[in-house]
Structure formats: C-alpha cells, structure tokens
Amino acid sequence: MDNHIQLINLYDYYGTLLTEKQQTYFQDYYFNNLSLAEMSENYQVSRSAIHKQLKEAESKLEFYEAKLALLKNSQKIKELIKPLDVEIQNKIKELI
C-alpha cells in the first residue's frame, strides 16, 4: 500500500489523538495538497517547523497502529467477511 494512502488510513483511525496543530498540518498537507511553502505562508511559521510537526504526526500514527493494530484488524475482518451475504457484510462494516 502506498505510504501516502497508508498514512491517510491511519489518520482516519488515530487522527484525533494528534495535537490540534498536527491535525491541521496533516489535513492541509495530505487532504488539501498544500505544499510546505504554502502552509508556511498561511501559518507564518518556517517550513522546517511544519515539516517537523508532520513527521512527528506520522510517527505517532505509525506508533499507535503498531500498538493497537486497528487498521490491520479492520482489513483482516473485511477480507474474512467477503464470502458472506452482502446484507451481513454491510452490517459488519457499519460496526468497524
């Protein structure tokens, strides 16, 4: 899985565990496709400060997944329910 997509998926599970600043920077960088230079202008901070916050956020997301494995387990469950009836699949997906 592409690292970019992996981080976005991890953010879906653990994003609220990041600081507000990290959440904002992560969303701008990964969802709004802003460059570090654009973000630097918007927030009046250096590019390196934004880069540092993004790297810290990415590390936290990977740490949480390593400890909790919510994304990994969700993907396993989705594979296991493929042979089930579509209605049952949908009900299980709502729970995860």
PDB file of N, CA and C in Angstrom:
ATOM      1  N   MET A   1       0.853  -1.178   0.000  1.00  0.00           N
ATOM      2  CA  MET A   1       0.000   0.000   0.000  1.00  0.00           C
ATOM      3  C   MET A   1       0.898   1.240   0.000  1.00  0.00           C
ATOM      4  N   ASP A   2       0.567   2.162  -0.824  1.00  0.00           N
ATOM      5  CA  ASP A   2       1.306   3.415  -0.901  1.00  0.00           C
ATOM      6  C   ASP A   2       1.367   4.077   0.475  1.00  0.00           C
ATOM      7  N   ASN A   3       2.536   4.579   0.850  1.00  0.00           N
ATOM      8  CA  ASN A   3       2.720   5.179   2.172  1.00  0.00           C
ATOM      9  C   ASN A   3       1.756   6.346   2.408  1.00  0.00           C
ATOM     10  N   HIS A   4       1.510   7.125   1.366  1.00  0.00           N
ATOM     11  CA  HIS A   4       0.593   8.262   1.450  1.00  0.00           C
ATOM     12  C   HIS A   4      -0.813   7.785   1.839  1.00  0.00           C
ATOM     13  N   ILE A   5      -1.277   6.781   1.158  1.00  0.00           N
ATOM     14  CA  ILE A   5      -2.606   6.223   1.441  1.00  0.00           C
ATOM     15  C   ILE A   5      -2.620   5.572   2.816  1.00  0.00           C
ATOM     16  N   GLN A   6      -1.541   4.882   3.146  1.00  0.00           N
ATOM     17  CA  GLN A   6      -1.438   4.244   4.464  1.00  0.00           C
ATOM     18  C   GLN A   6      -1.574   5.286   5.578  1.00  0.00           C
ATOM     19  N   LEU A   7      -0.893   6.416   5.435  1.00  0.00           N
ATOM     20  CA  LEU A   7      -0.957   7.462   6.457  1.00  0.00           C
ATOM     21  C   LEU A   7      -2.359   8.057   6.562  1.00  0.00           C
ATOM     22  N   ILE A   8      -3.005   8.239   5.436  1.00  0.00           N
ATOM     23  CA  ILE A   8      -4.375   8.756   5.444  1.00  0.00           C
ATOM     24  C   ILE A   8      -5.311   7.773   6.153  1.00  0.00           C
ATOM     25  N   ASN A   9      -5.140   6.483   5.872  1.00  0.00           N
ATOM     26  CA  ASN A   9      -5.957   5.471   6.554  1.00  0.00           C
ATOM     27  C   ASN A   9      -5.692   5.463   8.055  1.00  0.00           C
ATOM     28  N   LEU A  10      -4.429   5.597   8.436  1.00  0.00           N
ATOM     29  CA  LEU A  10      -4.093   5.655   9.857  1.00  0.00           C
ATOM     30  C   LEU A  10      -4.698   6.895  10.505  1.00  0.00           C
ATOM     31  N   TYR A  11      -4.702   7.997   9.775  1.00  0.00           N
ATOM     32  CA  TYR A  11      -5.283   9.238  10.295  1.00  0.00           C
ATOM     33  C   TYR A  11      -6.778   9.049  10.582  1.00  0.00           C
ATOM     34  N   ASP A  12      -7.450   8.295   9.719  1.00  0.00           N
ATOM     35  CA  ASP A  12      -8.876   8.031   9.945  1.00  0.00           C
ATOM     36  C   ASP A  12      -9.110   7.358  11.294  1.00  0.00           C
ATOM     37  N   TYR A  13      -8.202   6.503  11.696  1.00  0.00           N
ATOM     38  CA  TYR A  13      -8.343   5.794  12.969  1.00  0.00           C
ATOM     39  C   TYR A  13      -7.810   6.575  14.164  1.00  0.00           C
ATOM     40  N   TYR A  14      -6.666   7.223  13.988  1.00  0.00           N
ATOM     41  CA  TYR A  14      -5.965   7.791  15.136  1.00  0.00           C
ATOM     42  C   TYR A  14      -5.798   9.310  15.094  1.00  0.00           C
ATOM     43  N   GLY A  15      -6.343   9.963  14.101  1.00  0.00           N
ATOM     44  CA  GLY A  15      -6.136  11.401  13.928  1.00  0.00           C
ATOM     45  C   GLY A  15      -6.505  12.238  15.137  1.00  0.00           C
ATOM     46  N   THR A  16      -7.535  11.850  15.828  1.00  0.00           N
ATOM     47  CA  THR A  16      -7.971  12.641  16.990  1.00  0.00           C
ATOM     48  C   THR A  16      -6.988  12.551  18.153  1.00  0.00           C
ATOM     49  N   LEU A  17      -6.044  11.634  18.080  1.00  0.00           N
ATOM     50  CA  LEU A  17      -5.034  11.515  19.122  1.00  0.00           C
ATOM     51  C   LEU A  17      -3.861  12.478  18.910  1.00  0.00           C
ATOM     52  N   LEU A  18      -3.828  13.117  17.741  1.00  0.00           N
ATOM     53  CA  LEU A  18      -2.784  14.101  17.457  1.00  0.00           C
ATOM     54  C   LEU A  18      -3.170  15.451  18.057  1.00  0.00           C
ATOM     55  N   THR A  19      -2.179  16.327  18.201  1.00  0.00           N
ATOM     56  CA  THR A  19      -2.481  17.675  18.667  1.00  0.00           C
ATOM     57  C   THR A  19      -3.277  18.402  17.591  1.00  0.00           C
ATOM     58  N   GLU A  20      -3.933  19.481  17.976  1.00  0.00           N
ATOM     59  CA  GLU A  20      -4.717  20.255  17.000  1.00  0.00           C
ATOM     60  C   GLU A  20      -3.828  20.765  15.870  1.00  0.00           C
ATOM     61  N   LYS A  21      -2.644  21.226  16.222  1.00  0.00           N
ATOM     62  CA  LYS A  21      -1.709  21.735  15.213  1.00  0.00           C
ATOM     63  C   LYS A  21      -1.315  20.622  14.247  1.00  0.00           C
ATOM     64  N   GLN A  22      -1.020  19.450  14.773  1.00  0.00           N
ATOM     65  CA  GLN A  22      -0.650  18.321  13.922  1.00  0.00           C
ATOM     66  C   GLN A  22      -1.813  17.911  13.029  1.00  0.00           C
ATOM     67  N   GLN A  23      -3.015  17.920  13.571  1.00  0.00           N
ATOM     68  CA  GLN A  23      -4.195  17.595  12.765  1.00  0.00           C
ATOM     69  C   GLN A  23      -4.359  18.589  11.620  1.00  0.00           C
ATOM     70  N   THR A  24      -4.214  19.865  11.931  1.00  0.00           N
ATOM     71  CA  THR A  24      -4.367  20.914  10.915  1.00  0.00           C
ATOM     72  C   THR A  24      -3.317  20.764   9.821  1.00  0.00           C
ATOM     73  N   TYR A  25      -2.075  20.609  10.218  1.00  0.00           N
ATOM     74  CA  TYR A  25      -0.995  20.465   9.236  1.00  0.00           C
ATOM     75  C   TYR A  25      -1.179  19.196   8.405  1.00  0.00           C
ATOM     76  N   PHE A  26      -1.548  18.112   9.065  1.00  0.00           N
ATOM     77  CA  PHE A  26      -1.752  16.847   8.359  1.00  0.00           C
ATOM     78  C   PHE A  26      -2.860  16.993   7.320  1.00  0.00           C
ATOM     79  N   GLN A  27      -3.976  17.580   7.712  1.00  0.00           N
ATOM     80  CA  GLN A  27      -5.099  17.757   6.795  1.00  0.00           C
ATOM     81  C   GLN A  27      -4.717  18.648   5.619  1.00  0.00           C
ATOM     82  N   ASP A  28      -4.033  19.738   5.900  1.00  0.00           N
ATOM     83  CA  ASP A  28      -3.627  20.629   4.810  1.00  0.00           C
ATOM     84  C   ASP A  28      -2.665  19.933   3.846  1.00  0.00           C
ATOM     85  N   TYR A  29      -1.749  19.174   4.390  1.00  0.00           N
ATOM     86  CA  TYR A  29      -0.734  18.534   3.549  1.00  0.00           C
ATOM     87  C   TYR A  29      -1.298  17.336   2.784  1.00  0.00           C
ATOM     88  N   TYR A  30      -2.006  16.458   3.475  1.00  0.00           N
ATOM     89  CA  TYR A  30      -2.464  15.218   2.855  1.00  0.00           C
ATOM     90  C   TYR A  30      -3.831  15.310   2.192  1.00  0.00           C
ATOM     91  N   PHE A  31      -4.738  16.109   2.732  1.00  0.00           N
ATOM     92  CA  PHE A  31      -6.079  16.184   2.159  1.00  0.00           C
ATOM     93  C   PHE A  31      -6.254  17.381   1.222  1.00  0.00           C
ATOM     94  N   ASN A  32      -5.640  18.516   1.589  1.00  0.00           N
ATOM     95  CA  ASN A  32      -5.791  19.728   0.779  1.00  0.00           C
ATOM     96  C   ASN A  32      -4.629  19.941  -0.186  1.00  0.00           C
ATOM     97  N   ASN A  33      -3.647  19.041  -0.149  1.00  0.00           N
ATOM     98  CA  ASN A  33      -2.493  19.060  -1.063  1.00  0.00           C
ATOM     99  C   ASN A  33      -1.731  20.381  -1.066  1.00  0.00           C
ATOM    100  N   LEU A  34      -1.627  21.007   0.105  1.00  0.00           N
ATOM    101  CA  LEU A  34      -0.826  22.222   0.197  1.00  0.00           C
ATOM    102  C   LEU A  34       0.640  21.849   0.348  1.00  0.00           C
ATOM    103  N   SER A  35       1.497  22.669  -0.221  1.00  0.00           N
ATOM    104  CA  SER A  35       2.932  22.444  -0.073  1.00  0.00           C
ATOM    105  C   SER A  35       3.399  22.998   1.268  1.00  0.00           C
ATOM    106  N   LEU A  36       4.598  22.627   1.667  1.00  0.00           N
ATOM    107  CA  LEU A  36       5.159  23.165   2.901  1.00  0.00           C
ATOM    108  C   LEU A  36       5.295  24.685   2.803  1.00  0.00           C
ATOM    109  N   ALA A  37       5.657  25.175   1.621  1.00  0.00           N
ATOM    110  CA  ALA A  37       5.800  26.622   1.423  1.00  0.00           C
ATOM    111  C   ALA A  37       4.454  27.330   1.596  1.00  0.00           C
ATOM    112  N   GLU A  38       3.395  26.761   1.040  1.00  0.00           N
ATOM    113  CA  GLU A  38       2.063  27.359   1.179  1.00  0.00           C
ATOM    114  C   GLU A  38       1.618  27.353   2.638  1.00  0.00           C
ATOM    115  N   MET A  39       1.865  26.259   3.303  1.00  0.00           N
ATOM    116  CA  MET A  39       1.483  26.164   4.702  1.00  0.00           C
ATOM    117  C   MET A  39       2.309  27.133   5.541  1.00  0.00           C
ATOM    118  N   SER A  40       3.560  27.264   5.204  1.00  0.00           N
ATOM    119  CA  SER A  40       4.443  28.189   5.916  1.00  0.00           C
ATOM    120  C   SER A  40       3.911  29.617   5.818  1.00  0.00           C
ATOM    121  N   GLU A  41       3.463  29.987   4.644  1.00  0.00           N
ATOM    122  CA  GLU A  41       2.875  31.321   4.446  1.00  0.00           C
ATOM    123  C   GLU A  41       1.577  31.468   5.235  1.00  0.00           C
ATOM    124  N   ASN A  42       0.724  30.462   5.153  1.00  0.00           N
ATOM    125  CA  ASN A  42      -0.579  30.519   5.823  1.00  0.00           C
ATOM    126  C   ASN A  42      -0.472  30.642   7.340  1.00  0.00           C
ATOM    127  N   TYR A  43       0.492  29.937   7.918  1.00  0.00           N
ATOM    128  CA  TYR A  43       0.593  29.875   9.372  1.00  0.00           C
ATOM    129  C   TYR A  43       1.728  30.722   9.942  1.00  0.00           C
ATOM    130  N   GLN A  44       2.448  31.383   9.075  1.00  0.00           N
ATOM    131  CA  GLN A  44       3.538  32.263   9.498  1.00  0.00           C
ATOM    132  C   GLN A  44       4.572  31.544  10.371  1.00  0.00           C
ATOM    133  N   VAL A  45       4.918  30.334   9.947  1.00  0.00           N
ATOM    134  CA  VAL A  45       5.981  29.570  10.601  1.00  0.00           C
ATOM    135  C   VAL A  45       6.905  29.030   9.521  1.00  0.00           C
ATOM    136  N   SER A  46       8.073  28.577   9.916  1.00  0.00           N
ATOM    137  CA  SER A  46       9.038  28.091   8.934  1.00  0.00           C
ATOM    138  C   SER A  46       8.586  26.758   8.339  1.00  0.00           C
ATOM    139  N   ARG A  47       9.090  26.483   7.141  1.00  0.00           N
ATOM    140  CA  ARG A  47       8.797  25.206   6.500  1.00  0.00           C
ATOM    141  C   ARG A  47       9.329  24.056   7.335  1.00  0.00           C
ATOM    142  N   SER A  48      10.487  24.260   7.939  1.00  0.00           N
ATOM    143  CA  SER A  48      11.075  23.188   8.743  1.00  0.00           C
ATOM    144  C   SER A  48      10.226  22.891   9.983  1.00  0.00           C
ATOM    145  N   ALA A  49       9.583  23.902  10.554  1.00  0.00           N
ATOM    146  CA  ALA A  49       8.709  23.682  11.705  1.00  0.00           C
ATOM    147  C   ALA A  49       7.500  22.844  11.292  1.00  0.00           C
ATOM    148  N   ILE A  50       6.944  23.138  10.139  1.00  0.00           N
ATOM    149  CA  ILE A  50       5.800  22.363   9.635  1.00  0.00           C
ATOM    150  C   ILE A  50       6.243  20.937   9.316  1.00  0.00           C
ATOM    151  N   HIS A  51       7.389  20.822   8.659  1.00  0.00           N
ATOM    152  CA  HIS A  51       7.919  19.502   8.326  1.00  0.00           C
ATOM    153  C   HIS A  51       8.122  18.668   9.589  1.00  0.00           C
ATOM    154  N   LYS A  52       8.664  19.279  10.622  1.00  0.00           N
ATOM    155  CA  LYS A  52       8.901  18.583  11.888  1.00  0.00           C
ATOM    156  C   LYS A  52       7.579  18.099  12.492  1.00  0.00           C
ATOM    157  N   GLN A  53       6.551  18.949  12.489  1.00  0.00           N
ATOM    158  CA  GLN A  53       5.246  18.570  13.027  1.00  0.00           C
ATOM    159  C   GLN A  53       4.619  17.435  12.212  1.00  0.00           C
ATOM    160  N   LEU A  54       4.766  17.489  10.889  1.00  0.00           N
ATOM    161  CA  LEU A  54       4.222  16.426  10.041  1.00  0.00           C
ATOM    162  C   LEU A  54       4.917  15.099  10.323  1.00  0.00           C
ATOM    163  N   LYS A  55       6.230  15.126  10.439  1.00  0.00           N
ATOM    164  CA  LYS A  55       6.987  13.897  10.716  1.00  0.00           C
ATOM    165  C   LYS A  55       6.622  13.333  12.082  1.00  0.00           C
ATOM    166  N   GLU A  56       6.428  14.202  13.048  1.00  0.00           N
ATOM    167  CA  GLU A  56       6.027  13.760  14.379  1.00  0.00           C
ATOM    168  C   GLU A  56       4.628  13.135  14.339  1.00  0.00           C
ATOM    169  N   ALA A  57       3.725  13.756  13.594  1.00  0.00           N
ATOM    170  CA  ALA A  57       2.370  13.218  13.449  1.00  0.00           C
ATOM    171  C   ALA A  57       2.407  11.853  12.772  1.00  0.00           C
ATOM    172  N   GLU A  58       3.191  11.726  11.711  1.00  0.00           N
ATOM    173  CA  GLU A  58       3.310  10.455  11.006  1.00  0.00           C
ATOM    174  C   GLU A  58       3.866   9.376  11.937  1.00  0.00           C
ATOM    175  N   SER A  59       4.863   9.731  12.710  1.00  0.00           N
ATOM    176  CA  SER A  59       5.450   8.778  13.659  1.00  0.00           C
ATOM    177  C   SER A  59       4.431   8.334  14.701  1.00  0.00           C
ATOM    178  N   LYS A  60       3.647   9.283  15.199  1.00  0.00           N
ATOM    179  CA  LYS A  60       2.615   8.939  16.183  1.00  0.00           C
ATOM    180  C   LYS A  60       1.577   8.000  15.583  1.00  0.00           C
ATOM    181  N   LEU A  61       1.140   8.289  14.362  1.00  0.00           N
ATOM    182  CA  LEU A  61       0.139   7.440  13.716  1.00  0.00           C
ATOM    183  C   LEU A  61       0.664   6.015  13.559  1.00  0.00           C
ATOM    184  N   GLU A  62       1.913   5.890  13.137  1.00  0.00           N
ATOM    185  CA  GLU A  62       2.515   4.570  12.964  1.00  0.00           C
ATOM    186  C   GLU A  62       2.708   3.873  14.317  1.00  0.00           C
ATOM    187  N   PHE A  63       3.050   4.634  15.353  1.00  0.00           N
ATOM    188  CA  PHE A  63       3.204   4.077  16.689  1.00  0.00           C
ATOM    189  C   PHE A  63       1.877   3.515  17.194  1.00  0.00           C
ATOM    190  N   TYR A  64       0.817   4.306  17.052  1.00  0.00           N
ATOM    191  CA  TYR A  64      -0.496   3.848  17.508  1.00  0.00           C
ATOM    192  C   TYR A  64      -0.928   2.585  16.780  1.00  0.00           C
ATOM    193  N   GLU A  65      -0.678   2.527  15.483  1.00  0.00           N
ATOM    194  CA  GLU A  65      -1.053   1.335  14.720  1.00  0.00           C
ATOM    195  C   GLU A  65      -0.219   0.132  15.161  1.00  0.00           C
ATOM    196  N   ALA A  66       1.056   0.346  15.433  1.00  0.00           N
ATOM    197  CA  ALA A  66       1.910  -0.752  15.890  1.00  0.00           C
ATOM    198  C   ALA A  66       1.421  -1.317  17.218  1.00  0.00           C
ATOM    199  N   LYS A  67       0.907  -0.465  18.076  1.00  0.00           N
ATOM    200  CA  LYS A  67       0.440  -0.905  19.390  1.00  0.00           C
ATOM    201  C   LYS A  67      -1.000  -1.437  19.365  1.00  0.00           C
ATOM    202  N   LEU A  68      -1.873  -0.779  18.602  1.00  0.00           N
ATOM    203  CA  LEU A  68      -3.298  -1.107  18.638  1.00  0.00           C
ATOM    204  C   LEU A  68      -3.792  -1.938  17.452  1.00  0.00           C
ATOM    205  N   ALA A  69      -3.151  -1.798  16.311  1.00  0.00           N
ATOM    206  CA  ALA A  69      -3.462  -2.568  15.098  1.00  0.00           C
ATOM    207  C   ALA A  69      -4.922  -2.472  14.649  1.00  0.00           C
ATOM    208  N   LEU A  70      -5.548  -1.323  14.835  1.00  0.00           N
ATOM    209  CA  LEU A  70      -6.948  -1.171  14.428  1.00  0.00           C
ATOM    210  C   LEU A  70      -7.121  -1.272  12.911  1.00  0.00           C
ATOM    211  N   LEU A  71      -6.251  -0.631  12.161  1.00  0.00           N
ATOM    212  CA  LEU A  71      -6.355  -0.673  10.704  1.00  0.00           C
ATOM    213  C   LEU A  71      -6.091  -2.087  10.191  1.00  0.00           C
ATOM    214  N   LYS A  72      -5.052  -2.703  10.692  1.00  0.00           N
ATOM    215  CA  LYS A  72      -4.701  -4.063  10.271  1.00  0.00           C
ATOM    216  C   LYS A  72      -5.852  -5.030  10.552  1.00  0.00           C
ATOM    217  N   ASN A  73      -6.406  -4.945  11.731  1.00  0.00           N
ATOM    218  CA  ASN A  73      -7.517  -5.836  12.089  1.00  0.00           C
ATOM    219  C   ASN A  73      -8.766  -5.550  11.267  1.00  0.00           C
ATOM    220  N   SER A  74      -9.018  -4.295  10.985  1.00  0.00           N
ATOM    221  CA  SER A  74     -10.161  -3.932  10.152  1.00  0.00           C
ATOM    222  C   SER A  74     -10.023  -4.528   8.756  1.00  0.00           C
ATOM    223  N   GLN A  75      -8.814  -4.457   8.210  1.00  0.00           N
ATOM    224  CA  GLN A  75      -8.582  -5.020   6.882  1.00  0.00           C
ATOM    225  C   GLN A  75      -8.744  -6.542   6.888  1.00  0.00           C
ATOM    226  N   LYS A  76      -8.302  -7.190   7.966  1.00  0.00           N
ATOM    227  CA  LYS A  76      -8.474  -8.634   8.088  1.00  0.00           C
ATOM    228  C   LYS A  76      -9.958  -9.000   8.150  1.00  0.00           C
ATOM    229  N   ILE A  77     -10.706  -8.244   8.921  1.00  0.00           N
ATOM    230  CA  ILE A  77     -12.145  -8.502   9.047  1.00  0.00           C
ATOM    231  C   ILE A  77     -12.840  -8.345   7.700  1.00  0.00           C
ATOM    232  N   LYS A  78     -12.470  -7.300   6.960  1.00  0.00           N
ATOM    233  CA  LYS A  78     -13.082  -7.089   5.644  1.00  0.00           C
ATOM    234  C   LYS A  78     -12.804  -8.251   4.706  1.00  0.00           C
ATOM    235  N   GLU A  79     -11.611  -8.822   4.798  1.00  0.00           N
ATOM    236  CA  GLU A  79     -11.286  -9.988   3.972  1.00  0.00           C
ATOM    237  C   GLU A  79     -12.097 -11.211   4.407  1.00  0.00           C
ATOM    238  N   LEU A  80     -12.238 -11.372   5.700  1.00  0.00           N
ATOM    239  CA  LEU A  80     -12.967 -12.537   6.219  1.00  0.00           C
ATOM    240  C   LEU A  80     -14.459 -12.508   5.880  1.00  0.00           C
ATOM    241  N   ILE A  81     -15.036 -11.323   5.770  1.00  0.00           N
ATOM    242  CA  ILE A  81     -16.482 -11.244   5.533  1.00  0.00           C
ATOM    243  C   ILE A  81     -16.853 -11.238   4.053  1.00  0.00           C
ATOM    244  N   LYS A  82     -15.857 -11.237   3.176  1.00  0.00           N
ATOM    245  CA  LYS A  82     -16.165 -11.222   1.733  1.00  0.00           C
ATOM    246  C   LYS A  82     -17.095 -12.354   1.298  1.00  0.00           C
ATOM    247  N   PRO A  83     -16.920 -13.569   1.801  1.00  0.00           N
ATOM    248  CA  PRO A  83     -17.819 -14.639   1.347  1.00  0.00           C
ATOM    249  C   PRO A  83     -19.236 -14.566   1.922  1.00  0.00           C
ATOM    250  N   LEU A  84     -19.455 -13.699   2.862  1.00  0.00           N
ATOM    251  CA  LEU A  84     -20.775 -13.606   3.488  1.00  0.00           C
ATOM    252  C   LEU A  84     -21.771 -12.868   2.605  1.00  0.00           C
ATOM    253  N   ASP A  85     -23.030 -13.016   2.939  1.00  0.00           N
ATOM    254  CA  ASP A  85     -24.121 -12.310   2.278  1.00  0.00           C
ATOM    255  C   ASP A  85     -23.858 -10.799   2.326  1.00  0.00           C
ATOM    256  N   VAL A  86     -24.217 -10.083   1.289  1.00  0.00           N
ATOM    257  CA  VAL A  86     -23.972  -8.647   1.190  1.00  0.00           C
ATOM    258  C   VAL A  86     -24.618  -7.883   2.338  1.00  0.00           C
ATOM    259  N   GLU A  87     -25.812  -8.261   2.708  1.00  0.00           N
ATOM    260  CA  GLU A  87     -26.504  -7.579   3.808  1.00  0.00           C
ATOM    261  C   GLU A  87     -25.732  -7.753   5.119  1.00  0.00           C
ATOM    262  N   ILE A  88     -25.246  -8.942   5.365  1.00  0.00           N
ATOM    263  CA  ILE A  88     -24.458  -9.200   6.579  1.00  0.00           C
ATOM    264  C   ILE A  88     -23.136  -8.439   6.513  1.00  0.00           C
ATOM    265  N   GLN A  89     -22.517  -8.422   5.335  1.00  0.00           N
ATOM    266  CA  GLN A  89     -21.283  -7.663   5.146  1.00  0.00           C
ATOM    267  C   GLN A  89     -21.470  -6.199   5.534  1.00  0.00           C
ATOM    268  N   ASN A  90     -22.538  -5.609   5.039  1.00  0.00           N
ATOM    269  CA  ASN A  90     -22.804  -4.204   5.302  1.00  0.00           C
ATOM    270  C   ASN A  90     -23.016  -3.927   6.789  1.00  0.00           C
ATOM    271  N   LYS A  91     -23.719  -4.841   7.452  1.00  0.00           N
ATOM    272  CA  LYS A  91     -23.943  -4.658   8.890  1.00  0.00           C
ATOM    273  C   LYS A  91     -22.627  -4.737   9.663  1.00  0.00           C
ATOM    274  N   ILE A  92     -21.767  -5.655   9.279  1.00  0.00           N
ATOM    275  CA  ILE A  92     -20.458  -5.786   9.946  1.00  0.00           C
ATOM    276  C   ILE A  92     -19.598  -4.561   9.662  1.00  0.00           C
ATOM    277  N   LYS A  93     -19.599  -4.088   8.421  1.00  0.00           N
ATOM    278  CA  LYS A  93     -18.809  -2.905   8.058  1.00  0.00           C
ATOM    279  C   LYS A  93     -19.240  -1.673   8.843  1.00  0.00           C
ATOM    280  N   GLU A  94     -20.521  -1.573   9.133  1.00  0.00           N
ATOM    281  CA  GLU A  94     -21.004  -0.452   9.941  1.00  0.00           C
ATOM    282  C   GLU A  94     -20.391  -0.472  11.341  1.00  0.00           C
ATOM    283  N   LEU A  95     -20.135  -1.660  11.838  1.00  0.00           N
ATOM    284  CA  LEU A  95     -19.572  -1.805  13.174  1.00  0.00           C
ATOM    285  C   LEU A  95     -18.075  -1.504  13.216  1.00  0.00           C
ATOM    286  N   ILE A  96     -17.392  -1.718  12.096  1.00  0.00           N
ATOM    287  CA  ILE A  96     -15.958  -1.453  12.089  1.00  0.00           C
ATOM    288  C   ILE A  96     -15.735  -0.159  11.405  1.00  0.00           C
TER     289      ILE A  96
END
